[in-house]
Structures are given as C-alpha cells and as structure tokens.
Amino acid sequence: MKAVITGDIINSRNSKTFGWIDSLKTILSFYGKAPADWEIFRGDSFQLMLEPERALLAAFHIKAVMKGVDSLDVRMGIGVGEVEHQAARITESNGEAFVLSGSCFEGLKNQTIGVKTTDQEVDKTLNVMLRLARLVTDDWTSVVSNVIRAKIEHPKKNQKELAALLGKSQSSISDALKRGGWDEVMLLEEFYREQISCL
C-alpha cells in the first residue's frame, strides 16, 4: 500500500519570482527520488508517492514551505491504496492510490487538503478533522511557516536549538509554534497514522 499526493500551487502565477519551484523540489526530494517518486508537471502541479504513514506530515511540510517561501498556498489530495503498476516515472504509474488521489484532489473545491482511502468511515472522520485544522493552517504566516518547516525537518531539536538554527529568540519560536497550532496539528497527524495503520 502507498500514498499518492496530487497537488497544485494556489496563485503561483501571481508570484513575483519562481523561487518556490526550487523550494518545492527540495521538499519533494526529502520524501523520494524524481521522477519515480515525484514529478512537477504543468508548471505548478505535482505528484508524490510515499509510505502512507508519512503522507499527512509530508503534506503539512509542503504547505509550510509554500506559505513560507512566497506566501503561496497549496491544494493537495492524498490517496491511500494499492499501486498496481510502478513505472520509471510517477506520472506513468497507476493503481488504486492514484485513482483515489486524483478523485480526492478533484473534489477539494474550496478545501486545501483532503484524504481518500478504501474506507469511507475513515475518510469522513479525517476530512472533518482536516477541515477544522485548515482554520489554523490556512492562516500560517511566513514566520510561522518557516518555524513549522524547521520543526518538521529537525524533529529532535528543542525550541532552544531551533532558535539557534533560525537565528531567533526561544520565545519567538514558542510563540510561532503556538500560533501555528503545532501541538494540535501533531495530534491530528498521530491520529491519521493510527487510522492508516488499521487499513
């Protein structure tokens, strides 16, 4: 079983620079190798295939990077299922995970993140929780986003070490994590992993 994230960058055409593309490539490389595990296509769309348990954290990671780089946002549909054919390029691979991811992405409408698995009850619970999380995550500022990115990339570092890494005070790190709803987002991420492990 695999997870496939299908996403696109919101308002990418309004960006004054294209620096976000390099940032997106860096983050996707964090989770796999191109072009088998991820690809960027049509300019601002992407697909990433990874272990199901890591998918939601990866999605929050991508969101933090995009909101931190150029105050952009990202829309992502996570599909969890089997992969019947794994090609040399992810865009040529197919299977249940790809179908679920595409259908989840197409159904997002005004949501920025959604999950579709083979279990509708699991989907319903997770998507209600993601809608609530969005009230916080869609408002991440670039400052909050950069702190959350650093926290995801350096999970073992405490606030003092993160402050040294980012050249900020410990109180500003603590404040950014609070404003970004870090503890609550991580409770959701833990719940997601528990649900996925039971599929």
C-alpha atoms as a PDB file:
ATOM      1  CA  MET A   1       0.000   0.000   0.000  1.00  0.00           C
ATOM      2  CA  LYS A   2       1.173   3.521  -0.868  1.00  0.00           C
ATOM      3  CA  ALA A   3       0.003   7.095  -0.531  1.00  0.00           C
ATOM      4  CA  VAL A   4      -0.061   9.419  -3.518  1.00  0.00           C
ATOM      5  CA  ILE A   5      -0.324  13.177  -3.039  1.00  0.00           C
ATOM      6  CA  THR A   6      -1.654  15.093  -6.040  1.00  0.00           C
ATOM      7  CA  GLY A   7      -1.312  18.835  -5.607  1.00  0.00           C
ATOM      8  CA  ASP A   8      -1.046  22.235  -7.186  1.00  0.00           C
ATOM      9  CA  ILE A   9       0.253  25.602  -6.057  1.00  0.00           C
ATOM     10  CA  ILE A  10      -2.507  28.167  -5.484  1.00  0.00           C
ATOM     11  CA  ASN A  11      -1.892  31.595  -7.064  1.00  0.00           C
ATOM     12  CA  SER A  12       1.506  30.524  -8.422  1.00  0.00           C
ATOM     13  CA  ARG A  13       1.013  32.828 -11.416  1.00  0.00           C
ATOM     14  CA  ASN A  14       0.789  35.820  -9.066  1.00  0.00           C
ATOM     15  CA  SER A  15       4.203  35.032  -7.622  1.00  0.00           C
ATOM     16  CA  LYS A  16       6.798  37.663  -8.478  1.00  0.00           C
ATOM     17  CA  THR A  17       9.572  35.091  -8.532  1.00  0.00           C
ATOM     18  CA  PHE A  18       9.763  31.406  -9.340  1.00  0.00           C
ATOM     19  CA  GLY A  19      11.951  30.593  -6.338  1.00  0.00           C
ATOM     20  CA  TRP A  20       9.123  28.457  -4.968  1.00  0.00           C
ATOM     21  CA  ILE A  21       9.824  25.801  -7.644  1.00  0.00           C
ATOM     22  CA  ASP A  22      13.289  25.119  -6.195  1.00  0.00           C
ATOM     23  CA  SER A  23      11.818  25.025  -2.695  1.00  0.00           C
ATOM     24  CA  LEU A  24       9.134  22.572  -3.815  1.00  0.00           C
ATOM     25  CA  LYS A  25      11.752  20.348  -5.483  1.00  0.00           C
ATOM     26  CA  THR A  26      13.854  20.393  -2.284  1.00  0.00           C
ATOM     27  CA  ILE A  27      10.896  19.289  -0.150  1.00  0.00           C
ATOM     28  CA  LEU A  28       9.710  16.602  -2.582  1.00  0.00           C
ATOM     29  CA  SER A  29      13.295  15.261  -2.628  1.00  0.00           C
ATOM     30  CA  PHE A  30      13.015  14.947   1.154  1.00  0.00           C
ATOM     31  CA  TYR A  31      10.460  12.148   0.550  1.00  0.00           C
ATOM     32  CA  GLY A  32      11.742  10.386  -2.562  1.00  0.00           C
ATOM     33  CA  LYS A  33      13.609  10.499  -5.863  1.00  0.00           C
ATOM     34  CA  ALA A  34      12.468  12.093  -9.111  1.00  0.00           C
ATOM     35  CA  PRO A  35      10.950  11.021 -11.418  1.00  0.00           C
ATOM     36  CA  ALA A  36       9.938   7.640  -9.908  1.00  0.00           C
ATOM     37  CA  ASP A  37       8.614   9.038  -6.593  1.00  0.00           C
ATOM     38  CA  TRP A  38       7.735  12.601  -7.560  1.00  0.00           C
ATOM     39  CA  GLU A  39       7.346  14.913 -10.532  1.00  0.00           C
ATOM     40  CA  ILE A  40       6.310  18.507 -11.147  1.00  0.00           C
ATOM     41  CA  PHE A  41       4.172  18.928 -14.253  1.00  0.00           C
ATOM     42  CA  ARG A  42       2.062  21.589 -15.992  1.00  0.00           C
ATOM     43  CA  GLY A  43       4.232  24.216 -14.304  1.00  0.00           C
ATOM     44  CA  ASP A  44       2.614  24.229 -10.879  1.00  0.00           C
ATOM     45  CA  SER A  45       1.173  20.732 -10.319  1.00  0.00           C
ATOM     46  CA  PHE A  46       2.945  17.806  -8.684  1.00  0.00           C
ATOM     47  CA  GLN A  47       2.594  14.196  -7.598  1.00  0.00           C
ATOM     48  CA  LEU A  48       4.440  12.467  -4.777  1.00  0.00           C
ATOM     49  CA  MET A  49       4.301   8.767  -3.849  1.00  0.00           C
ATOM     50  CA  LEU A  50       5.439   7.678  -0.387  1.00  0.00           C
ATOM     51  CA  GLU A  51       4.645   5.437   2.567  1.00  0.00           C
ATOM     52  CA  PRO A  52       1.045   6.059   3.713  1.00  0.00           C
ATOM     53  CA  GLU A  53       2.031   6.797   7.326  1.00  0.00           C
ATOM     54  CA  ARG A  54       4.221   9.731   6.243  1.00  0.00           C
ATOM     55  CA  ALA A  55       1.749  11.347   3.838  1.00  0.00           C
ATOM     56  CA  LEU A  56      -0.047  13.800   6.115  1.00  0.00           C
ATOM     57  CA  LEU A  57       3.172  15.095   7.687  1.00  0.00           C
ATOM     58  CA  ALA A  58       4.598  15.477   4.168  1.00  0.00           C
ATOM     59  CA  ALA A  59       1.500  17.462   3.153  1.00  0.00           C
ATOM     60  CA  PHE A  60       1.871  19.819   6.140  1.00  0.00           C
ATOM     61  CA  HIS A  61       5.593  20.082   5.331  1.00  0.00           C
ATOM     62  CA  ILE A  62       4.874  21.086   1.718  1.00  0.00           C
ATOM     63  CA  LYS A  63       2.258  23.590   2.903  1.00  0.00           C
ATOM     64  CA  ALA A  64       4.672  25.162   5.412  1.00  0.00           C
ATOM     65  CA  VAL A  65       7.340  25.526   2.717  1.00  0.00           C
ATOM     66  CA  MET A  66       4.996  27.123   0.169  1.00  0.00           C
ATOM     67  CA  LYS A  67       3.498  29.533   2.701  1.00  0.00           C
ATOM     68  CA  GLY A  68       6.987  30.362   3.973  1.00  0.00           C
ATOM     69  CA  VAL A  69       8.607  30.994   0.601  1.00  0.00           C
ATOM     70  CA  ASP A  70       6.292  33.402  -1.157  1.00  0.00           C
ATOM     71  CA  SER A  71       3.096  33.379   0.932  1.00  0.00           C
ATOM     72  CA  LEU A  72       1.641  30.945  -1.585  1.00  0.00           C
ATOM     73  CA  ASP A  73      -0.637  28.065  -0.657  1.00  0.00           C
ATOM     74  CA  VAL A  74      -1.114  24.550  -1.944  1.00  0.00           C
ATOM     75  CA  ARG A  75      -4.079  22.273  -2.607  1.00  0.00           C
ATOM     76  CA  MET A  76      -3.464  18.542  -2.035  1.00  0.00           C
ATOM     77  CA  GLY A  77      -5.450  15.334  -2.353  1.00  0.00           C
ATOM     78  CA  ILE A  78      -3.982  12.330  -0.534  1.00  0.00           C
ATOM     79  CA  GLY A  79      -4.986   8.909  -1.864  1.00  0.00           C
ATOM     80  CA  VAL A  80      -4.131   5.731   0.058  1.00  0.00           C
ATOM     81  CA  GLY A  81      -4.356   2.360  -1.689  1.00  0.00           C
ATOM     82  CA  GLU A  82      -2.544  -0.202  -3.804  1.00  0.00           C
ATOM     83  CA  VAL A  83      -0.203   0.673  -6.675  1.00  0.00           C
ATOM     84  CA  GLU A  84      -0.687  -1.835  -9.477  1.00  0.00           C
ATOM     85  CA  HIS A  85       1.964  -0.523 -11.864  1.00  0.00           C
ATOM     86  CA  GLN A  86       5.068   1.364 -10.739  1.00  0.00           C
ATOM     87  CA  ALA A  87       6.757   2.919 -13.779  1.00  0.00           C
ATOM     88  CA  ALA A  88      10.088   4.744 -14.018  1.00  0.00           C
ATOM     89  CA  ARG A  89       8.075   7.995 -13.888  1.00  0.00           C
ATOM     90  CA  ILE A  90       5.380   8.531 -11.285  1.00  0.00           C
ATOM     91  CA  THR A  91       3.122  10.184 -13.876  1.00  0.00           C
ATOM     92  CA  GLU A  92       3.102   6.891 -15.802  1.00  0.00           C
ATOM     93  CA  SER A  93       2.398   4.713 -12.727  1.00  0.00           C
ATOM     94  CA  ASN A  94      -1.140   3.711 -11.881  1.00  0.00           C
ATOM     95  CA  GLY A  95      -3.385   1.901  -9.450  1.00  0.00           C
ATOM     96  CA  GLU A  96      -5.909   2.473  -6.698  1.00  0.00           C
ATOM     97  CA  ALA A  97      -3.765   5.036  -4.793  1.00  0.00           C
ATOM     98  CA  PHE A  98      -3.507   7.201  -7.946  1.00  0.00           C
ATOM     99  CA  VAL A  99      -7.239   6.965  -8.685  1.00  0.00           C
ATOM    100  CA  LEU A 100      -8.148   7.858  -5.082  1.00  0.00           C
ATOM    101  CA  SER A 101      -5.645  10.729  -5.006  1.00  0.00           C
ATOM    102  CA  GLY A 102      -6.922  12.196  -8.302  1.00  0.00           C
ATOM    103  CA  SER A 103     -10.548  11.884  -7.270  1.00  0.00           C
ATOM    104  CA  CYS A 104      -9.822  13.431  -3.842  1.00  0.00           C
ATOM    105  CA  PHE A 105      -7.949  16.309  -5.483  1.00  0.00           C
ATOM    106  CA  GLU A 106     -10.748  16.947  -7.998  1.00  0.00           C
ATOM    107  CA  GLY A 107     -13.310  17.026  -5.181  1.00  0.00           C
ATOM    108  CA  LEU A 108     -11.483  19.536  -2.979  1.00  0.00           C
ATOM    109  CA  LYS A 109     -13.405  22.617  -4.188  1.00  0.00           C
ATOM    110  CA  ASN A 110     -12.666  25.276  -1.521  1.00  0.00           C
ATOM    111  CA  GLN A 111     -10.707  22.889   0.721  1.00  0.00           C
ATOM    112  CA  THR A 112      -6.914  22.844   0.577  1.00  0.00           C
ATOM    113  CA  ILE A 113      -6.312  19.286   1.786  1.00  0.00           C
ATOM    114  CA  GLY A 114      -8.243  16.035   1.767  1.00  0.00           C
ATOM    115  CA  VAL A 115      -7.761  12.284   2.192  1.00  0.00           C
ATOM    116  CA  LYS A 116      -9.360   9.373   0.344  1.00  0.00           C
ATOM    117  CA  THR A 117      -8.782   5.737   1.339  1.00  0.00           C
ATOM    118  CA  THR A 118     -10.657   2.497   0.724  1.00  0.00           C
ATOM    119  CA  ASP A 119     -12.616   3.075   3.967  1.00  0.00           C
ATOM    120  CA  GLN A 120     -15.322   5.749   3.777  1.00  0.00           C
ATOM    121  CA  GLU A 121     -15.730   5.982   7.567  1.00  0.00           C
ATOM    122  CA  VAL A 122     -12.013   6.702   7.996  1.00  0.00           C
ATOM    123  CA  ASP A 123     -12.237   9.297   5.210  1.00  0.00           C
ATOM    124  CA  LYS A 124     -15.211  11.025   6.818  1.00  0.00           C
ATOM    125  CA  THR A 125     -13.503  11.362  10.216  1.00  0.00           C
ATOM    126  CA  LEU A 126     -10.150  12.516   8.804  1.00  0.00           C
ATOM    127  CA  ASN A 127     -11.685  15.036   6.430  1.00  0.00           C
ATOM    128  CA  VAL A 128     -13.806  16.664   9.157  1.00  0.00           C
ATOM    129  CA  MET A 129     -10.628  16.987  11.253  1.00  0.00           C
ATOM    130  CA  LEU A 130      -8.702  18.405   8.281  1.00  0.00           C
ATOM    131  CA  ARG A 131     -11.427  20.995   7.692  1.00  0.00           C
ATOM    132  CA  LEU A 132     -11.018  22.137  11.294  1.00  0.00           C
ATOM    133  CA  ALA A 133      -7.202  22.117  11.030  1.00  0.00           C
ATOM    134  CA  ARG A 134      -7.489  24.310   7.953  1.00  0.00           C
ATOM    135  CA  LEU A 135      -8.871  27.132  10.127  1.00  0.00           C
ATOM    136  CA  VAL A 136      -5.349  27.370  11.559  1.00  0.00           C
ATOM    137  CA  THR A 137      -3.051  26.067   8.801  1.00  0.00           C
ATOM    138  CA  ASP A 138      -4.506  28.248   6.028  1.00  0.00           C
ATOM    139  CA  ASP A 139      -3.583  31.291   8.126  1.00  0.00           C
ATOM    140  CA  TRP A 140       0.055  30.330   8.731  1.00  0.00           C
ATOM    141  CA  THR A 141       2.191  33.421   8.157  1.00  0.00           C
ATOM    142  CA  SER A 142       5.612  33.119   6.550  1.00  0.00           C
ATOM    143  CA  VAL A 143       7.216  33.412  10.021  1.00  0.00           C
ATOM    144  CA  VAL A 144       5.050  30.630  11.495  1.00  0.00           C
ATOM    145  CA  SER A 145       5.512  28.512   8.349  1.00  0.00           C
ATOM    146  CA  ASN A 146       9.307  28.736   8.490  1.00  0.00           C
ATOM    147  CA  VAL A 147       9.358  27.676  12.157  1.00  0.00           C
ATOM    148  CA  ILE A 148       6.999  24.755  11.447  1.00  0.00           C
ATOM    149  CA  ARG A 149       9.145  23.728   8.483  1.00  0.00           C
ATOM    150  CA  ALA A 150      12.244  23.710  10.692  1.00  0.00           C
ATOM    151  CA  LYS A 151      10.412  21.710  13.382  1.00  0.00           C
ATOM    152  CA  ILE A 152       9.347  19.058  10.834  1.00  0.00           C
ATOM    153  CA  GLU A 153      12.842  18.852   9.337  1.00  0.00           C
ATOM    154  CA  HIS A 154      14.553  18.721  12.759  1.00  0.00           C
ATOM    155  CA  PRO A 155      12.093  16.794  14.959  1.00  0.00           C
ATOM    156  CA  LYS A 156      14.678  16.073  17.666  1.00  0.00           C
ATOM    157  CA  LYS A 157      15.705  19.698  18.166  1.00  0.00           C
ATOM    158  CA  ASN A 158      14.161  21.521  21.121  1.00  0.00           C
ATOM    159  CA  GLN A 159      12.976  25.140  20.975  1.00  0.00           C
ATOM    160  CA  LYS A 160      16.339  26.489  22.108  1.00  0.00           C
ATOM    161  CA  GLU A 161      18.149  24.577  19.333  1.00  0.00           C
ATOM    162  CA  LEU A 162      15.570  25.670  16.743  1.00  0.00           C
ATOM    163  CA  ALA A 163      16.051  29.277  17.874  1.00  0.00           C
ATOM    164  CA  ALA A 164      19.819  28.954  17.304  1.00  0.00           C
ATOM    165  CA  LEU A 165      19.222  27.328  13.908  1.00  0.00           C
ATOM    166  CA  LEU A 166      16.870  30.091  12.732  1.00  0.00           C
ATOM    167  CA  GLY A 167      18.641  32.983  14.437  1.00  0.00           C
ATOM    168  CA  LYS A 168      15.591  33.817  16.554  1.00  0.00           C
ATOM    169  CA  SER A 169      14.784  34.008  20.255  1.00  0.00           C
ATOM    170  CA  GLN A 170      13.382  30.948  22.010  1.00  0.00           C
ATOM    171  CA  SER A 171      10.231  32.902  22.920  1.00  0.00           C
ATOM    172  CA  SER A 172       9.581  33.739  19.244  1.00  0.00           C
ATOM    173  CA  ILE A 173       9.898  30.025  18.348  1.00  0.00           C
ATOM    174  CA  SER A 174       7.467  29.102  21.138  1.00  0.00           C
ATOM    175  CA  ASP A 175       5.040  31.826  20.029  1.00  0.00           C
ATOM    176  CA  ALA A 176       5.191  30.756  16.344  1.00  0.00           C
ATOM    177  CA  LEU A 177       4.509  27.107  17.222  1.00  0.00           C
ATOM    178  CA  LYS A 178       1.543  28.147  19.388  1.00  0.00           C
ATOM    179  CA  ARG A 179       0.096  30.430  16.708  1.00  0.00           C
ATOM    180  CA  GLY A 180       0.571  27.676  14.121  1.00  0.00           C
ATOM    181  CA  GLY A 181      -1.323  25.174  16.271  1.00  0.00           C
ATOM    182  CA  TRP A 182       1.695  22.847  16.230  1.00  0.00           C
ATOM    183  CA  ASP A 183       0.621  20.588  19.111  1.00  0.00           C
ATOM    184  CA  GLU A 184      -2.911  20.204  17.727  1.00  0.00           C
ATOM    185  CA  VAL A 185      -1.694  19.579  14.174  1.00  0.00           C
ATOM    186  CA  MET A 186       0.646  16.871  15.508  1.00  0.00           C
ATOM    187  CA  LEU A 187      -2.238  15.227  17.422  1.00  0.00           C
ATOM    188  CA  LEU A 188      -4.141  15.097  14.119  1.00  0.00           C
ATOM    189  CA  GLU A 189      -1.076  13.683  12.352  1.00  0.00           C
ATOM    190  CA  GLU A 190      -0.734  10.978  15.027  1.00  0.00           C
ATOM    191  CA  PHE A 191      -4.454  10.116  14.731  1.00  0.00           C
ATOM    192  CA  TYR A 192      -4.077   9.921  10.927  1.00  0.00           C
ATOM    193  CA  ARG A 193      -1.186   7.431  11.294  1.00  0.00           C
ATOM    194  CA  GLU A 194      -3.219   5.290  13.704  1.00  0.00           C
ATOM    195  CA  GLN A 195      -6.163   5.188  11.265  1.00  0.00           C
ATOM    196  CA  ILE A 196      -3.958   4.390   8.251  1.00  0.00           C
ATOM    197  CA  SER A 197      -2.167   1.577  10.075  1.00  0.00           C
ATOM    198  CA  CYS A 198      -5.551  -0.175  10.561  1.00  0.00           C
ATOM    199  CA  LEU A 199      -6.485  -0.181   6.853  1.00  0.00           C
END
